[in-house]
N, C-alpha and C. Protein backbone atom coordinates (compact mmCIF):
# COMPACT_ATOMS: atom_id res chain seq x y z
N UNK A 1 0.82 -1.19 0.00
CA UNK A 1 0.00 0.00 0.00
C UNK A 1 0.87 1.26 0.00
N UNK A 2 2.01 1.22 0.64
CA UNK A 2 2.91 2.37 0.69
C UNK A 2 3.41 2.70 -0.72
N UNK A 3 3.61 1.67 -1.52
CA UNK A 3 4.07 1.89 -2.89
C UNK A 3 3.03 2.67 -3.70
N UNK A 4 1.77 2.34 -3.50
CA UNK A 4 0.68 3.04 -4.20
C UNK A 4 0.62 4.50 -3.76
N UNK A 5 0.76 4.73 -2.47
CA UNK A 5 0.72 6.10 -1.94
C UNK A 5 1.89 6.90 -2.50
N UNK A 6 3.05 6.30 -2.61
CA UNK A 6 4.21 7.01 -3.16
C UNK A 6 3.98 7.39 -4.62
N UNK A 7 3.42 6.48 -5.41
CA UNK A 7 3.16 6.77 -6.82
C UNK A 7 2.12 7.87 -6.96
N UNK A 8 1.10 7.83 -6.13
CA UNK A 8 0.08 8.89 -6.17
C UNK A 8 0.69 10.22 -5.74
N UNK A 9 1.56 10.21 -4.74
CA UNK A 9 2.20 11.45 -4.30
C UNK A 9 3.11 12.01 -5.39
N UNK A 10 3.81 11.14 -6.09
CA UNK A 10 4.65 11.57 -7.20
C UNK A 10 3.80 12.20 -8.30
N UNK A 11 2.66 11.59 -8.59
CA UNK A 11 1.76 12.15 -9.59
C UNK A 11 1.20 13.50 -9.12
N UNK A 12 0.92 13.62 -7.82
CA UNK A 12 0.40 14.87 -7.28
C UNK A 12 1.39 16.01 -7.39
N UNK A 13 2.67 15.71 -7.40
CA UNK A 13 3.68 16.75 -7.57
C UNK A 13 4.03 17.00 -9.02
N UNK A 14 3.96 15.96 -9.84
CA UNK A 14 4.36 16.10 -11.25
C UNK A 14 3.27 16.75 -12.10
N UNK A 15 2.02 16.47 -11.81
CA UNK A 15 0.93 16.99 -12.63
C UNK A 15 0.89 18.52 -12.63
N UNK A 16 0.99 19.21 -11.48
CA UNK A 16 1.01 20.68 -11.55
C UNK A 16 2.19 21.24 -12.34
N UNK A 17 3.34 20.60 -12.22
CA UNK A 17 4.52 21.07 -12.95
C UNK A 17 4.29 20.91 -14.45
N UNK A 18 3.77 19.76 -14.87
CA UNK A 18 3.50 19.55 -16.29
C UNK A 18 2.41 20.49 -16.81
N UNK A 19 1.39 20.75 -15.99
CA UNK A 19 0.34 21.68 -16.39
C UNK A 19 0.89 23.09 -16.57
N UNK A 20 1.72 23.53 -15.64
CA UNK A 20 2.32 24.87 -15.76
C UNK A 20 3.20 24.97 -17.00
N UNK A 21 4.01 23.94 -17.23
CA UNK A 21 4.87 23.95 -18.41
C UNK A 21 4.06 23.95 -19.70
N UNK A 22 3.00 23.16 -19.75
CA UNK A 22 2.20 23.11 -20.97
C UNK A 22 1.47 24.42 -21.21
N UNK A 23 1.01 25.07 -20.15
CA UNK A 23 0.35 26.38 -20.33
C UNK A 23 1.35 27.41 -20.84
N UNK A 24 2.55 27.43 -20.30
CA UNK A 24 3.55 28.39 -20.75
C UNK A 24 3.95 28.13 -22.20
N UNK A 25 4.07 26.87 -22.58
CA UNK A 25 4.41 26.54 -23.96
C UNK A 25 3.28 26.94 -24.90
N UNK A 26 2.04 26.65 -24.50
CA UNK A 26 0.90 27.03 -25.34
C UNK A 26 0.78 28.53 -25.49
N UNK A 27 1.01 29.27 -24.41
CA UNK A 27 0.95 30.72 -24.50
C UNK A 27 2.11 31.29 -25.31
N UNK A 28 3.25 30.63 -25.27
CA UNK A 28 4.39 31.08 -26.08
C UNK A 28 4.09 30.89 -27.56
N UNK A 29 3.42 29.79 -27.90
CA UNK A 29 3.11 29.53 -29.30
C UNK A 29 2.02 30.45 -29.84
N UNK A 30 1.00 30.69 -29.04
CA UNK A 30 -0.10 31.56 -29.48
C UNK A 30 -0.69 32.25 -28.27
N UNK A 31 -0.36 33.51 -28.11
CA UNK A 31 -0.77 34.27 -26.92
C UNK A 31 -2.26 34.60 -26.94
N UNK A 32 -2.90 34.59 -28.10
CA UNK A 32 -4.30 34.98 -28.21
C UNK A 32 -5.27 33.84 -27.97
N UNK A 33 -4.78 32.66 -27.78
CA UNK A 33 -5.65 31.50 -27.61
C UNK A 33 -5.60 31.02 -26.17
N UNK A 34 -6.74 30.58 -25.65
CA UNK A 34 -6.80 30.05 -24.28
C UNK A 34 -6.13 28.67 -24.27
N UNK A 35 -5.20 28.43 -23.37
CA UNK A 35 -4.51 27.14 -23.34
C UNK A 35 -5.47 25.98 -23.05
N UNK A 36 -5.21 24.86 -23.69
CA UNK A 36 -6.03 23.66 -23.48
C UNK A 36 -5.85 23.14 -22.06
N UNK A 37 -4.65 23.27 -21.53
CA UNK A 37 -4.39 22.78 -20.17
C UNK A 37 -5.21 23.53 -19.13
N UNK A 38 -5.58 24.75 -19.42
CA UNK A 38 -6.39 25.52 -18.47
C UNK A 38 -7.81 24.98 -18.38
N UNK A 39 -8.26 24.28 -19.41
CA UNK A 39 -9.62 23.73 -19.42
C UNK A 39 -9.75 22.53 -18.49
N UNK A 40 -8.77 21.65 -18.49
CA UNK A 40 -8.86 20.45 -17.65
C UNK A 40 -7.92 20.51 -16.45
N UNK A 41 -7.20 21.57 -16.30
CA UNK A 41 -6.24 21.68 -15.20
C UNK A 41 -6.89 21.70 -13.83
N UNK A 42 -8.08 22.29 -13.73
CA UNK A 42 -8.71 22.37 -12.42
C UNK A 42 -9.17 21.00 -11.93
N UNK A 43 -9.35 20.06 -12.83
CA UNK A 43 -9.73 18.70 -12.42
C UNK A 43 -8.52 17.90 -11.96
N UNK A 44 -7.38 18.14 -12.57
CA UNK A 44 -6.17 17.41 -12.21
C UNK A 44 -5.38 18.07 -11.08
N UNK A 45 -5.60 19.37 -10.90
CA UNK A 45 -4.89 20.13 -9.87
C UNK A 45 -5.90 20.94 -9.09
N UNK A 46 -6.63 20.27 -8.16
CA UNK A 46 -7.72 20.96 -7.46
C UNK A 46 -7.26 22.09 -6.55
N UNK A 47 -6.03 22.08 -6.11
CA UNK A 47 -5.57 23.14 -5.20
C UNK A 47 -5.07 24.37 -5.95
N UNK A 48 -5.27 24.45 -7.26
CA UNK A 48 -4.86 25.64 -8.02
C UNK A 48 -5.66 26.87 -7.60
N UNK A 49 -6.77 26.64 -6.91
CA UNK A 49 -7.61 27.75 -6.46
C UNK A 49 -6.81 28.70 -5.56
N UNK A 50 -5.81 28.19 -4.88
CA UNK A 50 -4.99 29.04 -4.01
C UNK A 50 -4.21 30.09 -4.80
N UNK A 51 -4.06 29.88 -6.09
CA UNK A 51 -3.28 30.80 -6.90
C UNK A 51 -4.11 31.91 -7.53
N UNK A 52 -5.41 31.93 -7.28
CA UNK A 52 -6.27 32.91 -7.94
C UNK A 52 -5.95 34.35 -7.54
N UNK A 53 -5.46 34.57 -6.36
CA UNK A 53 -5.18 35.92 -5.92
C UNK A 53 -3.81 36.44 -6.31
N UNK A 54 -3.02 35.63 -6.97
CA UNK A 54 -1.67 36.03 -7.33
C UNK A 54 -1.65 36.83 -8.62
N UNK A 55 -0.72 37.73 -8.73
CA UNK A 55 -0.55 38.52 -9.94
C UNK A 55 0.34 37.82 -10.94
N UNK A 56 0.70 38.54 -12.00
CA UNK A 56 1.54 37.96 -13.04
C UNK A 56 3.01 37.97 -12.69
N UNK A 57 3.44 38.91 -11.86
CA UNK A 57 4.86 39.00 -11.55
C UNK A 57 5.28 37.88 -10.59
N UNK A 58 6.52 37.47 -10.73
CA UNK A 58 7.06 36.41 -9.88
C UNK A 58 7.74 37.06 -8.68
N UNK A 59 7.18 36.82 -7.51
CA UNK A 59 7.75 37.34 -6.26
C UNK A 59 7.95 36.17 -5.30
N UNK A 60 8.55 36.45 -4.18
CA UNK A 60 8.73 35.41 -3.16
C UNK A 60 7.37 34.91 -2.68
N UNK A 61 6.43 35.82 -2.49
CA UNK A 61 5.09 35.44 -2.05
C UNK A 61 4.38 34.54 -3.04
N UNK A 62 4.53 34.83 -4.34
CA UNK A 62 3.88 33.99 -5.34
C UNK A 62 4.53 32.62 -5.42
N UNK A 63 5.84 32.57 -5.23
CA UNK A 63 6.52 31.26 -5.23
C UNK A 63 6.13 30.44 -4.01
N UNK A 64 5.94 31.10 -2.88
CA UNK A 64 5.49 30.39 -1.68
C UNK A 64 4.08 29.87 -1.89
N UNK A 65 3.21 30.69 -2.48
CA UNK A 65 1.84 30.24 -2.76
C UNK A 65 1.83 29.07 -3.73
N UNK A 66 2.68 29.14 -4.75
CA UNK A 66 2.78 28.03 -5.71
C UNK A 66 3.27 26.76 -5.02
N UNK A 67 4.27 26.89 -4.16
CA UNK A 67 4.80 25.73 -3.44
C UNK A 67 3.74 25.12 -2.52
N UNK A 68 3.00 25.97 -1.82
CA UNK A 68 1.94 25.48 -0.94
C UNK A 68 0.85 24.78 -1.74
N UNK A 69 0.51 25.34 -2.89
CA UNK A 69 -0.52 24.74 -3.73
C UNK A 69 -0.08 23.37 -4.25
N UNK A 70 1.16 23.26 -4.69
CA UNK A 70 1.66 21.97 -5.17
C UNK A 70 1.77 20.98 -4.02
N UNK A 71 2.22 21.42 -2.85
CA UNK A 71 2.31 20.54 -1.69
C UNK A 71 0.94 20.05 -1.25
N UNK A 72 -0.04 20.93 -1.29
CA UNK A 72 -1.40 20.53 -0.96
C UNK A 72 -1.92 19.52 -1.97
N UNK A 73 -1.56 19.69 -3.23
CA UNK A 73 -1.96 18.72 -4.25
C UNK A 73 -1.31 17.36 -4.00
N UNK A 74 -0.06 17.37 -3.55
CA UNK A 74 0.61 16.11 -3.21
C UNK A 74 -0.13 15.42 -2.06
N UNK A 75 -0.55 16.19 -1.06
CA UNK A 75 -1.30 15.60 0.05
C UNK A 75 -2.64 15.05 -0.41
N UNK A 76 -3.33 15.77 -1.29
CA UNK A 76 -4.61 15.29 -1.80
C UNK A 76 -4.45 13.99 -2.59
N UNK A 77 -3.45 13.96 -3.45
CA UNK A 77 -3.20 12.74 -4.23
C UNK A 77 -2.73 11.60 -3.33
N UNK A 78 -1.95 11.89 -2.29
CA UNK A 78 -1.51 10.86 -1.36
C UNK A 78 -2.70 10.26 -0.61
N UNK A 79 -3.64 11.12 -0.23
CA UNK A 79 -4.84 10.62 0.44
C UNK A 79 -5.66 9.75 -0.50
N UNK A 80 -5.77 10.17 -1.76
CA UNK A 80 -6.47 9.34 -2.75
C UNK A 80 -5.75 8.01 -2.94
N UNK A 81 -4.41 8.04 -2.96
CA UNK A 81 -3.63 6.81 -3.07
C UNK A 81 -3.81 5.92 -1.86
N UNK A 82 -3.91 6.52 -0.69
CA UNK A 82 -4.16 5.74 0.52
C UNK A 82 -5.51 5.03 0.45
N UNK A 83 -6.52 5.75 0.00
CA UNK A 83 -7.85 5.14 -0.15
C UNK A 83 -7.85 4.04 -1.21
N UNK A 84 -7.19 4.30 -2.34
CA UNK A 84 -7.11 3.28 -3.39
C UNK A 84 -6.31 2.07 -2.94
N UNK A 85 -5.20 2.31 -2.26
CA UNK A 85 -4.38 1.19 -1.77
C UNK A 85 -5.12 0.36 -0.73
N UNK A 86 -5.83 1.03 0.16
CA UNK A 86 -6.62 0.32 1.17
C UNK A 86 -7.72 -0.50 0.50
N UNK A 87 -8.41 0.10 -0.46
CA UNK A 87 -9.47 -0.61 -1.18
C UNK A 87 -8.92 -1.77 -1.98
N UNK A 88 -7.76 -1.58 -2.60
CA UNK A 88 -7.15 -2.65 -3.38
C UNK A 88 -6.75 -3.82 -2.48
N UNK A 89 -6.17 -3.52 -1.32
CA UNK A 89 -5.80 -4.59 -0.39
C UNK A 89 -7.03 -5.34 0.09
N UNK A 90 -8.07 -4.63 0.44
CA UNK A 90 -9.31 -5.28 0.90
C UNK A 90 -9.91 -6.14 -0.21
N UNK A 91 -9.90 -5.62 -1.43
CA UNK A 91 -10.47 -6.35 -2.54
C UNK A 91 -9.64 -7.59 -2.86
N UNK A 92 -8.31 -7.46 -2.85
CA UNK A 92 -7.46 -8.60 -3.17
C UNK A 92 -7.53 -9.66 -2.08
N UNK A 93 -7.69 -9.26 -0.81
CA UNK A 93 -7.86 -10.24 0.27
C UNK A 93 -9.18 -10.96 0.14
N UNK A 94 -10.22 -10.25 -0.27
CA UNK A 94 -11.52 -10.90 -0.43
C UNK A 94 -11.49 -11.85 -1.62
N UNK A 95 -10.70 -11.58 -2.63
CA UNK A 95 -10.60 -12.49 -3.77
C UNK A 95 -9.88 -13.77 -3.37
N UNK A 96 -8.90 -13.69 -2.49
CA UNK A 96 -8.18 -14.87 -2.02
C UNK A 96 -9.13 -15.75 -1.22
N UNK A 97 -9.94 -15.16 -0.40
CA UNK A 97 -10.89 -15.92 0.43
C UNK A 97 -11.90 -16.62 -0.46
N UNK A 98 -12.36 -15.97 -1.49
CA UNK A 98 -13.37 -16.55 -2.38
C UNK A 98 -12.78 -17.72 -3.16
N UNK A 99 -11.53 -17.64 -3.57
CA UNK A 99 -10.91 -18.70 -4.37
C UNK A 99 -10.70 -19.97 -3.56
N UNK A 100 -10.49 -19.85 -2.28
CA UNK A 100 -10.21 -21.04 -1.47
C UNK A 100 -11.46 -21.74 -1.16
């Protein structure tokens, strides 16, 4: 179960980074178009709401807010991994009992 939680935590940290990179690349290619990542980003990165009050300039405060948002996303994904790992263990144990 710990392995599942680690993979979910890794995904919780990697997804916001990939979303930010894809938005910056999309905006670099065409500044007049809304990035595709912004459409589905709120579903994959639910803690992005913490960044709504930040401006465009990069300051220490905005970096701290970004770090907190990504860390909170890691915790959310870890909790989801914990629930999935617990459910998987329960399900696999029940399958062993049924087979015998």
